[in-house]
Amino acid sequence: QWIGQAIGGILGAFVAVAVMMVLLQAYGPDAFGVGKPFVAAQASVVATMVGGIPHVPAFFFGIAAGLILYLVGFPAMMLGLGIYLPFYMSFSTFLGAMVKVILDRIMAFRQKDLSPEVKAQKKAAYEKSGIIIASGLLGGESVIGIILALVVAVSGLGLLA
């Protein structure tokens, strides 16, 4: 396992550099940052936190709201992601979640006539299937973004007619 992780880490570094080179070639260095086509959302949030909390009362209000939402059972983490991620990232996350909700309802409908023992056995498998499909949707959106960047880079080099 360690060898596999080491190989994956090394290959991942090369792939990440290659993808960044393609993105830079296709869109230029000014395409990255806040308010640009490629927003590093997590980096922006971390930079803001390192630079100091700009509005302390709002920060504490956010902590209190998150705690209250958590205590009433609302998925506060998903709400938080939806607030600081750009819309196109939030929307693909929303679509993935909706696919999972629909699949969960379909599977619950299919199970309604099963015995409780069989329902318990199949529930974990159904939940994993929904998560895998939703994750695949999100991962596929990222892969399509890279493919589109490759097309832009290759057409910018004049290799496509």
N, C-alpha and C. Protein backbone atom coordinates (compact mmCIF):
# COMPACT_ATOMS: atom_id res chain seq x y z
N GLN A 1 0.82 -1.18 0.00
CA GLN A 1 0.00 0.00 0.00
C GLN A 1 0.88 1.26 0.00
N TRP A 2 1.93 1.24 0.78
CA TRP A 2 2.80 2.41 0.83
C TRP A 2 3.40 2.70 -0.54
N ILE A 3 3.83 1.65 -1.23
CA ILE A 3 4.42 1.83 -2.58
C ILE A 3 3.38 2.42 -3.52
N GLY A 4 2.15 1.93 -3.46
CA GLY A 4 1.08 2.47 -4.30
C GLY A 4 0.81 3.94 -4.01
N GLN A 5 0.82 4.30 -2.74
CA GLN A 5 0.61 5.70 -2.37
C GLN A 5 1.77 6.58 -2.85
N ALA A 6 2.98 6.06 -2.75
CA ALA A 6 4.14 6.83 -3.22
C ALA A 6 4.08 7.03 -4.73
N ILE A 7 3.76 5.99 -5.46
CA ILE A 7 3.64 6.11 -6.92
C ILE A 7 2.53 7.09 -7.28
N GLY A 8 1.38 6.97 -6.60
CA GLY A 8 0.26 7.88 -6.86
C GLY A 8 0.62 9.32 -6.55
N GLY A 9 1.36 9.55 -5.46
CA GLY A 9 1.76 10.91 -5.12
C GLY A 9 2.71 11.51 -6.15
N ILE A 10 3.66 10.71 -6.61
CA ILE A 10 4.63 11.20 -7.60
C ILE A 10 3.94 11.45 -8.93
N LEU A 11 3.14 10.48 -9.39
CA LEU A 11 2.42 10.68 -10.66
C LEU A 11 1.45 11.85 -10.56
N GLY A 12 0.79 11.97 -9.41
CA GLY A 12 -0.14 13.08 -9.21
C GLY A 12 0.54 14.43 -9.32
N ALA A 13 1.75 14.52 -8.81
CA ALA A 13 2.49 15.78 -8.91
C ALA A 13 2.78 16.13 -10.38
N PHE A 14 3.19 15.14 -11.16
CA PHE A 14 3.45 15.39 -12.58
C PHE A 14 2.18 15.75 -13.34
N VAL A 15 1.09 15.04 -13.05
CA VAL A 15 -0.18 15.33 -13.73
C VAL A 15 -0.67 16.73 -13.35
N ALA A 16 -0.56 17.10 -12.08
CA ALA A 16 -1.01 18.42 -11.64
C ALA A 16 -0.21 19.52 -12.33
N VAL A 17 1.09 19.34 -12.45
CA VAL A 17 1.92 20.34 -13.14
C VAL A 17 1.53 20.42 -14.61
N ALA A 18 1.31 19.28 -15.25
CA ALA A 18 0.93 19.28 -16.66
C ALA A 18 -0.41 19.98 -16.86
N VAL A 19 -1.36 19.72 -15.98
CA VAL A 19 -2.67 20.37 -16.09
C VAL A 19 -2.53 21.88 -15.88
N MET A 20 -1.74 22.29 -14.90
CA MET A 20 -1.54 23.73 -14.69
C MET A 20 -0.87 24.40 -15.89
N MET A 21 0.08 23.70 -16.51
CA MET A 21 0.73 24.26 -17.71
C MET A 21 -0.28 24.43 -18.84
N VAL A 22 -1.17 23.46 -19.00
CA VAL A 22 -2.20 23.56 -20.03
C VAL A 22 -3.15 24.72 -19.73
N LEU A 23 -3.57 24.84 -18.46
CA LEU A 23 -4.47 25.93 -18.09
C LEU A 23 -3.80 27.30 -18.29
N LEU A 24 -2.54 27.40 -17.92
CA LEU A 24 -1.82 28.66 -18.13
C LEU A 24 -1.69 28.99 -19.61
N GLN A 25 -1.42 27.98 -20.42
CA GLN A 25 -1.30 28.18 -21.86
C GLN A 25 -2.65 28.61 -22.46
N ALA A 26 -3.72 27.97 -21.98
CA ALA A 26 -5.04 28.24 -22.55
C ALA A 26 -5.61 29.58 -22.10
N TYR A 27 -5.45 29.92 -20.82
CA TYR A 27 -6.14 31.07 -20.27
C TYR A 27 -5.22 32.20 -19.82
N GLY A 28 -3.93 31.94 -19.67
CA GLY A 28 -3.00 32.96 -19.22
C GLY A 28 -2.97 33.07 -17.71
N PRO A 29 -1.95 33.74 -17.18
CA PRO A 29 -1.79 33.82 -15.72
C PRO A 29 -2.81 34.71 -15.03
N ASP A 30 -3.49 35.58 -15.78
CA ASP A 30 -4.47 36.48 -15.17
C ASP A 30 -5.83 35.83 -14.96
N ALA A 31 -5.98 34.54 -15.27
CA ALA A 31 -7.26 33.86 -15.13
C ALA A 31 -7.46 33.25 -13.75
N PHE A 32 -6.49 33.41 -12.86
CA PHE A 32 -6.55 32.77 -11.56
C PHE A 32 -6.69 33.80 -10.45
N GLY A 33 -7.62 33.56 -9.53
CA GLY A 33 -7.79 34.44 -8.38
C GLY A 33 -9.24 34.82 -8.17
N VAL A 34 -9.47 35.63 -7.17
CA VAL A 34 -10.82 36.06 -6.83
C VAL A 34 -11.39 36.91 -7.96
N GLY A 35 -12.61 36.58 -8.36
CA GLY A 35 -13.27 37.32 -9.42
C GLY A 35 -12.80 36.93 -10.82
N LYS A 36 -12.02 35.89 -10.94
CA LYS A 36 -11.49 35.44 -12.23
C LYS A 36 -12.13 34.08 -12.57
N PRO A 37 -11.91 33.57 -13.78
CA PRO A 37 -12.52 32.29 -14.15
C PRO A 37 -12.13 31.12 -13.23
N PHE A 38 -10.89 31.10 -12.74
CA PHE A 38 -10.44 30.01 -11.87
C PHE A 38 -10.21 30.56 -10.47
N VAL A 39 -11.15 30.27 -9.59
CA VAL A 39 -11.07 30.75 -8.22
C VAL A 39 -10.60 29.60 -7.34
N ALA A 40 -9.55 29.82 -6.62
CA ALA A 40 -9.12 28.83 -5.62
C ALA A 40 -9.85 29.19 -4.34
N ALA A 41 -11.07 28.66 -4.19
CA ALA A 41 -11.95 29.07 -3.10
C ALA A 41 -11.32 28.84 -1.74
N GLN A 42 -10.78 27.67 -1.53
CA GLN A 42 -10.19 27.36 -0.23
C GLN A 42 -8.99 28.27 0.05
N ALA A 43 -8.17 28.50 -0.96
CA ALA A 43 -7.02 29.37 -0.77
C ALA A 43 -7.46 30.79 -0.44
N SER A 44 -8.54 31.26 -1.05
CA SER A 44 -9.04 32.60 -0.76
C SER A 44 -9.52 32.70 0.68
N VAL A 45 -10.22 31.67 1.14
CA VAL A 45 -10.72 31.68 2.51
C VAL A 45 -9.56 31.63 3.49
N VAL A 46 -8.58 30.77 3.24
CA VAL A 46 -7.43 30.67 4.13
C VAL A 46 -6.65 31.99 4.15
N ALA A 47 -6.48 32.61 2.99
CA ALA A 47 -5.78 33.89 2.93
C ALA A 47 -6.51 34.95 3.74
N THR A 48 -7.83 34.94 3.68
CA THR A 48 -8.61 35.90 4.47
C THR A 48 -8.43 35.65 5.96
N MET A 49 -8.43 34.37 6.35
CA MET A 49 -8.27 34.05 7.76
C MET A 49 -6.87 34.40 8.26
N VAL A 50 -5.86 34.17 7.44
CA VAL A 50 -4.49 34.50 7.84
C VAL A 50 -4.33 36.01 7.96
N GLY A 51 -5.00 36.74 7.07
CA GLY A 51 -4.91 38.20 7.09
C GLY A 51 -5.70 38.82 8.22
N GLY A 52 -6.44 38.05 8.94
CA GLY A 52 -7.24 38.58 10.05
C GLY A 52 -8.71 38.54 9.70
N ILE A 53 -9.51 38.43 10.71
CA ILE A 53 -10.96 38.37 10.51
C ILE A 53 -11.44 39.80 10.23
N PRO A 54 -11.98 40.05 9.02
CA PRO A 54 -12.34 41.42 8.67
C PRO A 54 -13.51 41.98 9.47
N HIS A 55 -14.44 41.15 9.90
CA HIS A 55 -15.59 41.64 10.64
C HIS A 55 -15.89 40.65 11.76
N VAL A 56 -15.36 40.93 12.93
CA VAL A 56 -15.43 40.00 14.06
C VAL A 56 -16.87 39.67 14.47
N PRO A 57 -17.79 40.64 14.57
CA PRO A 57 -19.17 40.28 14.94
C PRO A 57 -19.81 39.31 13.93
N ALA A 58 -19.56 39.51 12.64
CA ALA A 58 -20.11 38.60 11.63
C ALA A 58 -19.51 37.21 11.78
N PHE A 59 -18.24 37.14 12.13
CA PHE A 59 -17.59 35.85 12.35
C PHE A 59 -18.27 35.09 13.49
N PHE A 60 -18.51 35.76 14.61
CA PHE A 60 -19.15 35.10 15.74
C PHE A 60 -20.61 34.78 15.45
N PHE A 61 -21.27 35.62 14.67
CA PHE A 61 -22.64 35.31 14.24
C PHE A 61 -22.64 34.04 13.40
N GLY A 62 -21.67 33.90 12.51
CA GLY A 62 -21.56 32.70 11.68
C GLY A 62 -21.32 31.44 12.51
N ILE A 63 -20.48 31.56 13.53
CA ILE A 63 -20.23 30.42 14.42
C ILE A 63 -21.52 30.02 15.13
N ALA A 64 -22.25 31.01 15.66
CA ALA A 64 -23.49 30.73 16.37
C ALA A 64 -24.53 30.12 15.43
N ALA A 65 -24.65 30.67 14.23
CA ALA A 65 -25.62 30.13 13.26
C ALA A 65 -25.27 28.70 12.87
N GLY A 66 -23.99 28.44 12.66
CA GLY A 66 -23.56 27.07 12.33
C GLY A 66 -23.87 26.10 13.46
N LEU A 67 -23.64 26.51 14.69
CA LEU A 67 -23.91 25.65 15.85
C LEU A 67 -25.40 25.37 15.97
N ILE A 68 -26.21 26.40 15.80
CA ILE A 68 -27.67 26.22 15.89
C ILE A 68 -28.15 25.28 14.78
N LEU A 69 -27.68 25.51 13.57
CA LEU A 69 -28.07 24.63 12.46
C LEU A 69 -27.65 23.19 12.71
N TYR A 70 -26.47 23.00 13.27
CA TYR A 70 -26.00 21.66 13.60
C TYR A 70 -26.90 21.01 14.64
N LEU A 71 -27.26 21.76 15.67
CA LEU A 71 -28.08 21.22 16.75
C LEU A 71 -29.48 20.84 16.29
N VAL A 72 -30.03 21.54 15.28
CA VAL A 72 -31.36 21.19 14.78
C VAL A 72 -31.30 20.15 13.67
N GLY A 73 -30.09 19.69 13.34
CA GLY A 73 -29.94 18.61 12.36
C GLY A 73 -29.83 19.07 10.92
N PHE A 74 -29.63 20.35 10.68
CA PHE A 74 -29.47 20.86 9.32
C PHE A 74 -28.01 20.68 8.89
N PRO A 75 -27.77 20.28 7.66
CA PRO A 75 -26.38 20.07 7.21
C PRO A 75 -25.65 21.41 7.02
N ALA A 76 -25.15 21.94 8.12
CA ALA A 76 -24.53 23.26 8.11
C ALA A 76 -23.28 23.30 7.23
N MET A 77 -22.57 22.18 7.12
CA MET A 77 -21.36 22.15 6.30
C MET A 77 -21.70 22.39 4.83
N MET A 78 -22.80 21.79 4.37
CA MET A 78 -23.20 21.98 2.98
C MET A 78 -23.61 23.43 2.73
N LEU A 79 -24.29 24.02 3.69
CA LEU A 79 -24.66 25.43 3.56
C LEU A 79 -23.41 26.30 3.49
N GLY A 80 -22.44 26.00 4.35
CA GLY A 80 -21.19 26.77 4.35
C GLY A 80 -20.46 26.66 3.02
N LEU A 81 -20.40 25.45 2.47
CA LEU A 81 -19.76 25.27 1.17
C LEU A 81 -20.50 26.07 0.10
N GLY A 82 -21.81 26.05 0.17
CA GLY A 82 -22.60 26.79 -0.82
C GLY A 82 -22.40 28.29 -0.74
N ILE A 83 -22.04 28.78 0.44
CA ILE A 83 -21.85 30.22 0.60
C ILE A 83 -20.50 30.67 0.03
N TYR A 84 -19.42 29.92 0.27
CA TYR A 84 -18.13 30.45 -0.15
C TYR A 84 -17.63 29.91 -1.47
N LEU A 85 -18.24 28.86 -2.00
CA LEU A 85 -17.81 28.38 -3.31
C LEU A 85 -18.48 29.18 -4.42
N PRO A 86 -17.83 29.31 -5.57
CA PRO A 86 -18.48 29.98 -6.70
C PRO A 86 -19.73 29.20 -7.12
N PHE A 87 -20.67 29.89 -7.78
CA PHE A 87 -21.96 29.28 -8.12
C PHE A 87 -21.81 28.01 -8.93
N TYR A 88 -20.94 28.01 -9.93
CA TYR A 88 -20.84 26.83 -10.78
C TYR A 88 -20.38 25.61 -9.99
N MET A 89 -19.57 25.81 -8.95
CA MET A 89 -19.15 24.68 -8.12
C MET A 89 -20.29 24.27 -7.19
N SER A 90 -21.01 25.22 -6.65
CA SER A 90 -22.14 24.92 -5.78
C SER A 90 -23.23 24.21 -6.56
N PHE A 91 -23.44 24.62 -7.80
CA PHE A 91 -24.51 24.03 -8.60
C PHE A 91 -24.22 22.57 -8.93
N SER A 92 -22.97 22.25 -9.26
CA SER A 92 -22.66 20.85 -9.55
C SER A 92 -22.76 20.01 -8.28
N THR A 93 -22.43 20.58 -7.13
CA THR A 93 -22.61 19.88 -5.86
C THR A 93 -24.09 19.65 -5.60
N PHE A 94 -24.91 20.66 -5.88
CA PHE A 94 -26.36 20.54 -5.74
C PHE A 94 -26.90 19.43 -6.64
N LEU A 95 -26.45 19.39 -7.89
CA LEU A 95 -26.91 18.35 -8.81
C LEU A 95 -26.52 16.96 -8.30
N GLY A 96 -25.30 16.81 -7.80
CA GLY A 96 -24.88 15.54 -7.24
C GLY A 96 -25.74 15.12 -6.06
N ALA A 97 -26.06 16.08 -5.19
CA ALA A 97 -26.91 15.79 -4.03
C ALA A 97 -28.32 15.40 -4.47
N MET A 98 -28.84 16.08 -5.49
CA MET A 98 -30.18 15.76 -5.98
C MET A 98 -30.22 14.36 -6.60
N VAL A 99 -29.17 13.97 -7.31
CA VAL A 99 -29.09 12.62 -7.86
C VAL A 99 -29.15 11.61 -6.72
N LYS A 100 -28.41 11.88 -5.64
CA LYS A 100 -28.43 10.96 -4.50
C LYS A 100 -29.80 10.91 -3.85
N VAL A 101 -30.46 12.05 -3.68
CA VAL A 101 -31.79 12.07 -3.08
C VAL A 101 -32.77 11.26 -3.93
N ILE A 102 -32.73 11.46 -5.24
CA ILE A 102 -33.63 10.73 -6.13
C ILE A 102 -33.35 9.23 -6.06
N LEU A 103 -32.08 8.85 -6.09
CA LEU A 103 -31.73 7.43 -6.00
C LEU A 103 -32.17 6.84 -4.66
N ASP A 104 -32.01 7.59 -3.57
CA ASP A 104 -32.45 7.10 -2.26
C ASP A 104 -33.96 6.85 -2.25
N ARG A 105 -34.71 7.75 -2.87
CA ARG A 105 -36.17 7.59 -2.91
C ARG A 105 -36.57 6.40 -3.78
N ILE A 106 -35.89 6.23 -4.90
CA ILE A 106 -36.19 5.08 -5.76
C ILE A 106 -35.90 3.79 -5.01
N MET A 107 -34.76 3.74 -4.34
CA MET A 107 -34.40 2.52 -3.61
C MET A 107 -35.37 2.27 -2.44
N ALA A 108 -35.81 3.31 -1.77
CA ALA A 108 -36.77 3.14 -0.67
C ALA A 108 -38.09 2.61 -1.22
N PHE A 109 -38.50 3.10 -2.39
CA PHE A 109 -39.73 2.61 -3.01
C PHE A 109 -39.60 1.14 -3.39
N ARG A 110 -38.44 0.76 -3.91
CA ARG A 110 -38.22 -0.63 -4.29
C ARG A 110 -38.19 -1.57 -3.08
N GLN A 111 -37.83 -1.04 -1.92
CA GLN A 111 -37.70 -1.86 -0.72
C GLN A 111 -38.97 -1.98 0.10
N LYS A 112 -40.01 -1.26 -0.25
CA LYS A 112 -41.17 -1.15 0.65
C LYS A 112 -41.81 -2.50 0.98
N ASP A 113 -41.73 -3.49 0.12
CA ASP A 113 -42.35 -4.79 0.38
C ASP A 113 -41.37 -5.81 0.93
N LEU A 114 -40.13 -5.42 1.21
CA LEU A 114 -39.13 -6.36 1.73
C LEU A 114 -39.22 -6.48 3.25
N SER A 115 -38.70 -7.57 3.76
CA SER A 115 -38.68 -7.76 5.22
C SER A 115 -37.66 -6.80 5.84
N PRO A 116 -37.81 -6.47 7.12
CA PRO A 116 -36.87 -5.54 7.77
C PRO A 116 -35.42 -6.02 7.73
N GLU A 117 -35.20 -7.33 7.80
CA GLU A 117 -33.83 -7.84 7.76
C GLU A 117 -33.18 -7.58 6.40
N VAL A 118 -33.94 -7.84 5.35
CA VAL A 118 -33.42 -7.63 3.99
C VAL A 118 -33.23 -6.14 3.73
N LYS A 119 -34.15 -5.31 4.23
CA LYS A 119 -34.01 -3.85 4.07
C LYS A 119 -32.72 -3.37 4.71
N ALA A 120 -32.41 -3.85 5.90
CA ALA A 120 -31.20 -3.43 6.61
C ALA A 120 -29.95 -3.84 5.83
N GLN A 121 -29.98 -5.02 5.23
CA GLN A 121 -28.83 -5.48 4.47
C GLN A 121 -28.61 -4.65 3.21
N LYS A 122 -29.68 -4.30 2.55
CA LYS A 122 -29.57 -3.59 1.28
C LYS A 122 -29.37 -2.09 1.45
N LYS A 123 -29.73 -1.55 2.62
CA LYS A 123 -29.67 -0.11 2.83
C LYS A 123 -28.25 0.43 2.66
N ALA A 124 -27.27 -0.22 3.25
CA ALA A 124 -25.88 0.24 3.16
C ALA A 124 -25.40 0.22 1.71
N ALA A 125 -25.75 -0.83 0.98
CA ALA A 125 -25.34 -0.91 -0.43
C ALA A 125 -25.98 0.20 -1.25
N TYR A 126 -27.25 0.47 -1.00
CA TYR A 126 -27.93 1.54 -1.73
C TYR A 126 -27.32 2.91 -1.43
N GLU A 127 -27.01 3.15 -0.16
CA GLU A 127 -26.41 4.44 0.21
C GLU A 127 -25.05 4.63 -0.46
N LYS A 128 -24.25 3.56 -0.48
CA LYS A 128 -22.95 3.65 -1.14
C LYS A 128 -23.11 3.91 -2.63
N SER A 129 -24.09 3.28 -3.25
CA SER A 129 -24.30 3.48 -4.69
C SER A 129 -24.65 4.93 -4.99
N GLY A 130 -25.52 5.52 -4.19
CA GLY A 130 -25.90 6.91 -4.40
C GLY A 130 -24.73 7.86 -4.24
N ILE A 131 -23.91 7.61 -3.23
CA ILE A 131 -22.74 8.46 -2.99
C ILE A 131 -21.74 8.32 -4.14
N ILE A 132 -21.54 7.10 -4.60
CA ILE A 132 -20.59 6.88 -5.70
C ILE A 132 -21.07 7.57 -6.97
N ILE A 133 -22.35 7.47 -7.28
CA ILE A 133 -22.88 8.11 -8.49
C ILE A 133 -22.79 9.62 -8.37
N ALA A 134 -23.16 10.18 -7.21
CA ALA A 134 -23.08 11.63 -7.02
C ALA A 134 -21.63 12.11 -7.11
N SER A 135 -20.71 11.36 -6.52
CA SER A 135 -19.29 11.73 -6.59
C SER A 135 -18.78 11.64 -8.02
N GLY A 136 -19.24 10.64 -8.74
CA GLY A 136 -18.85 10.51 -10.15
C GLY A 136 -19.33 11.69 -10.97
N LEU A 137 -20.52 12.20 -10.65
CA LEU A 137 -21.03 13.37 -11.35
C LEU A 137 -20.13 14.58 -11.10
N LEU A 138 -19.72 14.77 -9.85
CA LEU A 138 -18.85 15.89 -9.51
C LEU A 138 -17.47 15.73 -10.14
N GLY A 139 -16.92 14.51 -10.07
CA GLY A 139 -15.61 14.25 -10.68
C GLY A 139 -15.67 14.40 -12.19
N GLY A 140 -16.75 13.96 -12.79
CA GLY A 140 -16.91 14.08 -14.24
C GLY A 140 -16.95 15.54 -14.67
N GLU A 141 -17.59 16.38 -13.86
CA GLU A 141 -17.63 17.81 -14.18
C GLU A 141 -16.23 18.39 -14.19
N SER A 142 -15.39 17.96 -13.27
CA SER A 142 -14.01 18.44 -13.23
C SER A 142 -13.21 17.95 -14.43
N VAL A 143 -13.41 16.69 -14.79
CA VAL A 143 -12.70 16.13 -15.95
C VAL A 143 -13.11 16.85 -17.23
N ILE A 144 -14.39 17.14 -17.38
CA ILE A 144 -14.86 17.87 -18.57
C ILE A 144 -14.23 19.27 -18.60
N GLY A 145 -14.08 19.90 -17.44
CA GLY A 145 -13.43 21.21 -17.40
C GLY A 145 -11.99 21.14 -17.91
N ILE A 146 -11.27 20.10 -17.53
CA ILE A 146 -9.89 19.93 -17.99
C ILE A 146 -9.86 19.64 -19.49
N ILE A 147 -10.78 18.82 -19.97
CA ILE A 147 -10.84 18.53 -21.41
C ILE A 147 -11.12 19.81 -22.19
N LEU A 148 -12.04 20.62 -21.70
CA LEU A 148 -12.32 21.90 -22.39
C LEU A 148 -11.09 22.81 -22.38
N ALA A 149 -10.35 22.83 -21.27
CA ALA A 149 -9.12 23.63 -21.22
C ALA A 149 -8.10 23.11 -22.22
N LEU A 150 -8.01 21.79 -22.37
CA LEU A 150 -7.10 21.21 -23.36
C LEU A 150 -7.49 21.64 -24.77
N VAL A 151 -8.79 21.62 -25.05
CA VAL A 151 -9.27 22.05 -26.37
C VAL A 151 -8.91 23.51 -26.62
N VAL A 152 -9.11 24.36 -25.62
CA VAL A 152 -8.77 25.78 -25.77
C VAL A 152 -7.26 25.94 -25.98
N ALA A 153 -6.45 25.19 -25.21
CA ALA A 153 -5.00 25.30 -25.35
C ALA A 153 -4.54 24.83 -26.72
N VAL A 154 -5.08 23.71 -27.18
CA VAL A 154 -4.66 23.18 -28.49
C VAL A 154 -5.13 24.11 -29.60
N SER A 155 -6.32 24.64 -29.50
CA SER A 155 -6.79 25.57 -30.56
C SER A 155 -6.00 26.88 -30.52
N GLY A 156 -5.55 27.29 -29.33
CA GLY A 156 -4.72 28.48 -29.23
C GLY A 156 -3.35 28.31 -29.85
N LEU A 157 -2.87 27.07 -29.87
CA LEU A 157 -1.58 26.78 -30.50
C LEU A 157 -1.70 26.64 -32.01
N GLY A 158 -2.95 26.67 -32.50
CA GLY A 158 -3.15 26.54 -33.95
C GLY A 158 -3.07 25.11 -34.45
N LEU A 159 -3.19 24.15 -33.56
CA LEU A 159 -3.13 22.74 -33.97
C LEU A 159 -4.47 22.23 -34.48
N LEU A 160 -5.56 22.94 -34.15
CA LEU A 160 -6.88 22.56 -34.67
C LEU A 160 -7.26 23.49 -35.79
N ALA A 161 -7.89 22.96 -36.81
CA ALA A 161 -8.29 23.79 -37.95
C ALA A 161 -9.56 24.54 -37.67
